[in-house]
Amino acid sequence: MYSNQPESFQVWGCSTGTVAMGKVFLNIVDSEGKSKTLDDYALADVGVGMVEIVIVNFAPELMMTGQDWLLTLVTVVAGYAILLFP
């Protein structure tokens, strides 16, 4: 078994479905719960959750007022900043 197999299955499940699907896949490959994947996911989800809340709140308003270019610009620049300065 590869050392990152539980994490890979959990991330794949979350990416293609929901967090619950990721948890189901994690339980399949790590039924004894030896990996710390859920702990890592919980810490990472704090930052992701904040970003999702901001996008869900501001995206519709910016699009309705015709400023969809601003939303695109801000999200692309923020994404590059996160990748360049972790």
N, C-alpha and C. Protein backbone atom coordinates (compact mmCIF):
# COMPACT_ATOMS: atom_id res chain seq x y z
N MET A 1 0.84 -1.18 0.00
CA MET A 1 0.00 0.00 0.00
C MET A 1 0.88 1.24 0.00
N TYR A 2 0.60 2.16 -0.89
CA TYR A 2 1.33 3.42 -0.92
C TYR A 2 0.97 4.25 0.30
N SER A 3 1.89 5.06 0.73
CA SER A 3 1.64 5.84 1.95
C SER A 3 0.59 6.93 1.74
N ASN A 4 0.40 7.40 0.51
CA ASN A 4 -0.57 8.47 0.27
C ASN A 4 -1.88 7.95 -0.33
N GLN A 5 -2.09 6.66 -0.33
CA GLN A 5 -3.30 6.12 -0.94
C GLN A 5 -4.58 6.59 -0.25
N PRO A 6 -4.68 6.59 1.09
CA PRO A 6 -5.93 7.10 1.69
C PRO A 6 -6.22 8.54 1.34
N GLU A 7 -5.18 9.37 1.34
CA GLU A 7 -5.38 10.78 1.01
C GLU A 7 -5.83 10.95 -0.43
N SER A 8 -5.24 10.17 -1.33
CA SER A 8 -5.60 10.28 -2.74
C SER A 8 -7.06 9.93 -2.98
N PHE A 9 -7.52 8.85 -2.36
CA PHE A 9 -8.90 8.45 -2.53
C PHE A 9 -9.86 9.45 -1.91
N GLN A 10 -9.49 10.01 -0.77
CA GLN A 10 -10.36 10.98 -0.11
C GLN A 10 -10.47 12.25 -0.93
N VAL A 11 -9.36 12.73 -1.46
CA VAL A 11 -9.38 13.94 -2.28
C VAL A 11 -10.15 13.69 -3.57
N TRP A 12 -9.95 12.53 -4.18
CA TRP A 12 -10.67 12.20 -5.40
C TRP A 12 -12.18 12.16 -5.14
N GLY A 13 -12.60 11.58 -4.05
CA GLY A 13 -14.02 11.52 -3.72
C GLY A 13 -14.61 12.90 -3.50
N CYS A 14 -13.88 13.77 -2.81
CA CYS A 14 -14.37 15.13 -2.58
C CYS A 14 -14.42 15.93 -3.88
N SER A 15 -13.46 15.70 -4.77
CA SER A 15 -13.42 16.44 -6.02
C SER A 15 -14.52 16.03 -6.98
N THR A 16 -14.88 14.76 -6.96
CA THR A 16 -15.88 14.28 -7.91
C THR A 16 -17.28 14.22 -7.34
N GLY A 17 -17.43 14.47 -6.09
CA GLY A 17 -18.77 14.38 -5.49
C GLY A 17 -18.90 15.33 -4.32
N THR A 18 -18.94 14.76 -3.16
CA THR A 18 -19.11 15.55 -1.94
C THR A 18 -18.10 15.09 -0.90
N VAL A 19 -18.08 15.79 0.21
CA VAL A 19 -17.20 15.39 1.30
C VAL A 19 -17.59 14.01 1.80
N ALA A 20 -18.88 13.73 1.83
CA ALA A 20 -19.34 12.40 2.28
C ALA A 20 -18.81 11.30 1.37
N MET A 21 -18.76 11.54 0.07
CA MET A 21 -18.23 10.54 -0.85
C MET A 21 -16.74 10.33 -0.59
N GLY A 22 -16.03 11.40 -0.34
CA GLY A 22 -14.62 11.27 0.00
C GLY A 22 -14.41 10.48 1.27
N LYS A 23 -15.30 10.68 2.23
CA LYS A 23 -15.20 9.93 3.48
C LYS A 23 -15.51 8.45 3.27
N VAL A 24 -16.44 8.16 2.38
CA VAL A 24 -16.75 6.76 2.07
C VAL A 24 -15.54 6.09 1.45
N PHE A 25 -14.91 6.75 0.47
CA PHE A 25 -13.71 6.18 -0.15
C PHE A 25 -12.60 6.00 0.87
N LEU A 26 -12.46 6.97 1.79
CA LEU A 26 -11.43 6.85 2.82
C LEU A 26 -11.71 5.65 3.71
N ASN A 27 -12.97 5.43 4.05
CA ASN A 27 -13.31 4.27 4.89
C ASN A 27 -13.07 2.96 4.16
N ILE A 28 -13.16 2.95 2.84
CA ILE A 28 -12.89 1.73 2.08
C ILE A 28 -11.41 1.39 2.13
N VAL A 29 -10.55 2.37 1.89
CA VAL A 29 -9.11 2.08 1.83
C VAL A 29 -8.45 2.10 3.21
N ASP A 30 -9.06 2.75 4.18
CA ASP A 30 -8.48 2.82 5.53
C ASP A 30 -9.58 2.56 6.55
N SER A 31 -10.07 1.33 6.55
CA SER A 31 -11.21 1.01 7.40
C SER A 31 -10.87 1.04 8.89
N GLU A 32 -9.61 0.89 9.23
CA GLU A 32 -9.22 0.93 10.63
C GLU A 32 -8.95 2.35 11.14
N GLY A 33 -8.89 3.30 10.24
CA GLY A 33 -8.69 4.70 10.62
C GLY A 33 -7.29 5.02 11.09
N LYS A 34 -6.30 4.36 10.53
CA LYS A 34 -4.92 4.58 10.95
C LYS A 34 -4.32 5.86 10.37
N SER A 35 -4.79 6.27 9.20
CA SER A 35 -4.22 7.49 8.60
C SER A 35 -4.83 8.73 9.26
N LYS A 36 -4.13 9.81 9.15
CA LYS A 36 -4.59 11.08 9.72
C LYS A 36 -5.19 11.97 8.64
N THR A 37 -5.79 11.36 7.64
CA THR A 37 -6.32 12.10 6.50
C THR A 37 -7.44 13.05 6.91
N LEU A 38 -8.36 12.61 7.74
CA LEU A 38 -9.47 13.48 8.14
C LEU A 38 -8.99 14.66 8.97
N ASP A 39 -7.94 14.45 9.77
CA ASP A 39 -7.38 15.57 10.53
C ASP A 39 -6.80 16.62 9.57
N ASP A 40 -6.06 16.14 8.57
CA ASP A 40 -5.48 17.06 7.59
C ASP A 40 -6.57 17.78 6.81
N TYR A 41 -7.61 17.06 6.43
CA TYR A 41 -8.70 17.66 5.67
C TYR A 41 -9.43 18.72 6.50
N ALA A 42 -9.63 18.44 7.77
CA ALA A 42 -10.32 19.40 8.63
C ALA A 42 -9.54 20.70 8.75
N LEU A 43 -8.22 20.61 8.87
CA LEU A 43 -7.41 21.83 8.95
C LEU A 43 -7.42 22.59 7.63
N ALA A 44 -7.35 21.87 6.52
CA ALA A 44 -7.35 22.54 5.22
C ALA A 44 -8.70 23.15 4.90
N ASP A 45 -9.77 22.53 5.37
CA ASP A 45 -11.11 23.01 5.04
C ASP A 45 -11.44 24.34 5.71
N VAL A 46 -10.74 24.70 6.77
CA VAL A 46 -10.98 25.99 7.42
C VAL A 46 -10.70 27.13 6.45
N GLY A 47 -9.55 27.08 5.79
CA GLY A 47 -9.22 28.13 4.82
C GLY A 47 -10.08 28.08 3.58
N VAL A 48 -10.34 26.88 3.09
CA VAL A 48 -11.17 26.73 1.89
C VAL A 48 -12.60 27.19 2.18
N GLY A 49 -13.09 26.90 3.35
CA GLY A 49 -14.45 27.29 3.71
C GLY A 49 -14.64 28.80 3.70
N MET A 50 -13.63 29.51 4.17
CA MET A 50 -13.71 30.98 4.18
C MET A 50 -13.75 31.53 2.75
N VAL A 51 -12.93 30.98 1.89
CA VAL A 51 -12.91 31.42 0.49
C VAL A 51 -14.25 31.13 -0.17
N GLU A 52 -14.80 29.95 0.08
CA GLU A 52 -16.10 29.61 -0.51
C GLU A 52 -17.20 30.55 -0.04
N ILE A 53 -17.18 30.92 1.22
CA ILE A 53 -18.20 31.83 1.74
C ILE A 53 -18.11 33.19 1.05
N VAL A 54 -16.89 33.69 0.88
CA VAL A 54 -16.71 34.99 0.21
C VAL A 54 -17.18 34.92 -1.24
N ILE A 55 -16.81 33.85 -1.94
CA ILE A 55 -17.20 33.74 -3.35
C ILE A 55 -18.70 33.59 -3.49
N VAL A 56 -19.32 32.77 -2.65
CA VAL A 56 -20.77 32.57 -2.75
C VAL A 56 -21.53 33.86 -2.43
N ASN A 57 -20.99 34.68 -1.55
CA ASN A 57 -21.68 35.93 -1.19
C ASN A 57 -21.49 37.03 -2.22
N PHE A 58 -20.29 37.15 -2.78
CA PHE A 58 -20.01 38.29 -3.65
C PHE A 58 -20.17 38.00 -5.13
N ALA A 59 -20.02 36.77 -5.55
CA ALA A 59 -20.08 36.46 -6.99
C ALA A 59 -21.42 36.84 -7.62
N PRO A 60 -22.56 36.46 -7.05
CA PRO A 60 -23.82 36.84 -7.70
C PRO A 60 -24.02 38.35 -7.81
N GLU A 61 -23.65 39.07 -6.76
CA GLU A 61 -23.83 40.52 -6.78
C GLU A 61 -22.93 41.17 -7.84
N LEU A 62 -21.69 40.73 -7.93
CA LEU A 62 -20.79 41.29 -8.93
C LEU A 62 -21.25 40.95 -10.34
N MET A 63 -21.78 39.77 -10.54
CA MET A 63 -22.26 39.39 -11.87
C MET A 63 -23.52 40.15 -12.25
N MET A 64 -24.41 40.38 -11.31
CA MET A 64 -25.64 41.11 -11.61
C MET A 64 -25.38 42.57 -11.92
N THR A 65 -24.31 43.12 -11.36
CA THR A 65 -23.99 44.53 -11.62
C THR A 65 -23.05 44.71 -12.81
N GLY A 66 -22.77 43.61 -13.51
CA GLY A 66 -21.94 43.70 -14.71
C GLY A 66 -20.45 43.74 -14.44
N GLN A 67 -20.04 43.35 -13.25
CA GLN A 67 -18.63 43.38 -12.91
C GLN A 67 -18.05 41.97 -12.84
N ASP A 68 -18.49 41.12 -13.75
CA ASP A 68 -17.98 39.76 -13.75
C ASP A 68 -16.49 39.72 -14.06
N TRP A 69 -15.98 40.70 -14.81
CA TRP A 69 -14.56 40.79 -15.10
C TRP A 69 -13.76 41.00 -13.82
N LEU A 70 -14.33 41.76 -12.87
CA LEU A 70 -13.65 42.02 -11.61
C LEU A 70 -13.56 40.73 -10.79
N LEU A 71 -14.63 39.96 -10.77
CA LEU A 71 -14.63 38.69 -10.06
C LEU A 71 -13.58 37.75 -10.65
N THR A 72 -13.53 37.68 -11.96
CA THR A 72 -12.54 36.83 -12.62
C THR A 72 -11.13 37.28 -12.31
N LEU A 73 -10.88 38.57 -12.39
CA LEU A 73 -9.55 39.11 -12.13
C LEU A 73 -9.11 38.84 -10.69
N VAL A 74 -9.99 39.11 -9.76
CA VAL A 74 -9.64 38.92 -8.34
C VAL A 74 -9.38 37.45 -8.03
N THR A 75 -10.22 36.55 -8.54
CA THR A 75 -10.02 35.14 -8.23
C THR A 75 -8.75 34.58 -8.89
N VAL A 76 -8.45 35.02 -10.10
CA VAL A 76 -7.23 34.54 -10.77
C VAL A 76 -5.99 35.07 -10.06
N VAL A 77 -5.98 36.36 -9.72
CA VAL A 77 -4.83 36.93 -9.02
C VAL A 77 -4.66 36.29 -7.64
N ALA A 78 -5.75 36.10 -6.92
CA ALA A 78 -5.68 35.46 -5.62
C ALA A 78 -5.19 34.02 -5.73
N GLY A 79 -5.64 33.32 -6.76
CA GLY A 79 -5.18 31.94 -6.97
C GLY A 79 -3.70 31.87 -7.24
N TYR A 80 -3.19 32.76 -8.09
CA TYR A 80 -1.76 32.79 -8.36
C TYR A 80 -0.98 33.18 -7.10
N ALA A 81 -1.50 34.12 -6.32
CA ALA A 81 -0.81 34.52 -5.08
C ALA A 81 -0.74 33.36 -4.10
N ILE A 82 -1.79 32.59 -4.02
CA ILE A 82 -1.78 31.43 -3.10
C ILE A 82 -0.77 30.40 -3.57
N LEU A 83 -0.69 30.19 -4.88
CA LEU A 83 0.27 29.22 -5.41
C LEU A 83 1.72 29.68 -5.27
N LEU A 84 1.95 30.98 -5.47
CA LEU A 84 3.32 31.49 -5.40
C LEU A 84 3.82 31.72 -3.98
N PHE A 85 2.92 32.10 -3.10
CA PHE A 85 3.31 32.41 -1.71
C PHE A 85 2.50 31.56 -0.74
N PRO A 86 2.86 30.28 -0.60
CA PRO A 86 2.05 29.41 0.29
C PRO A 86 2.18 29.71 1.72
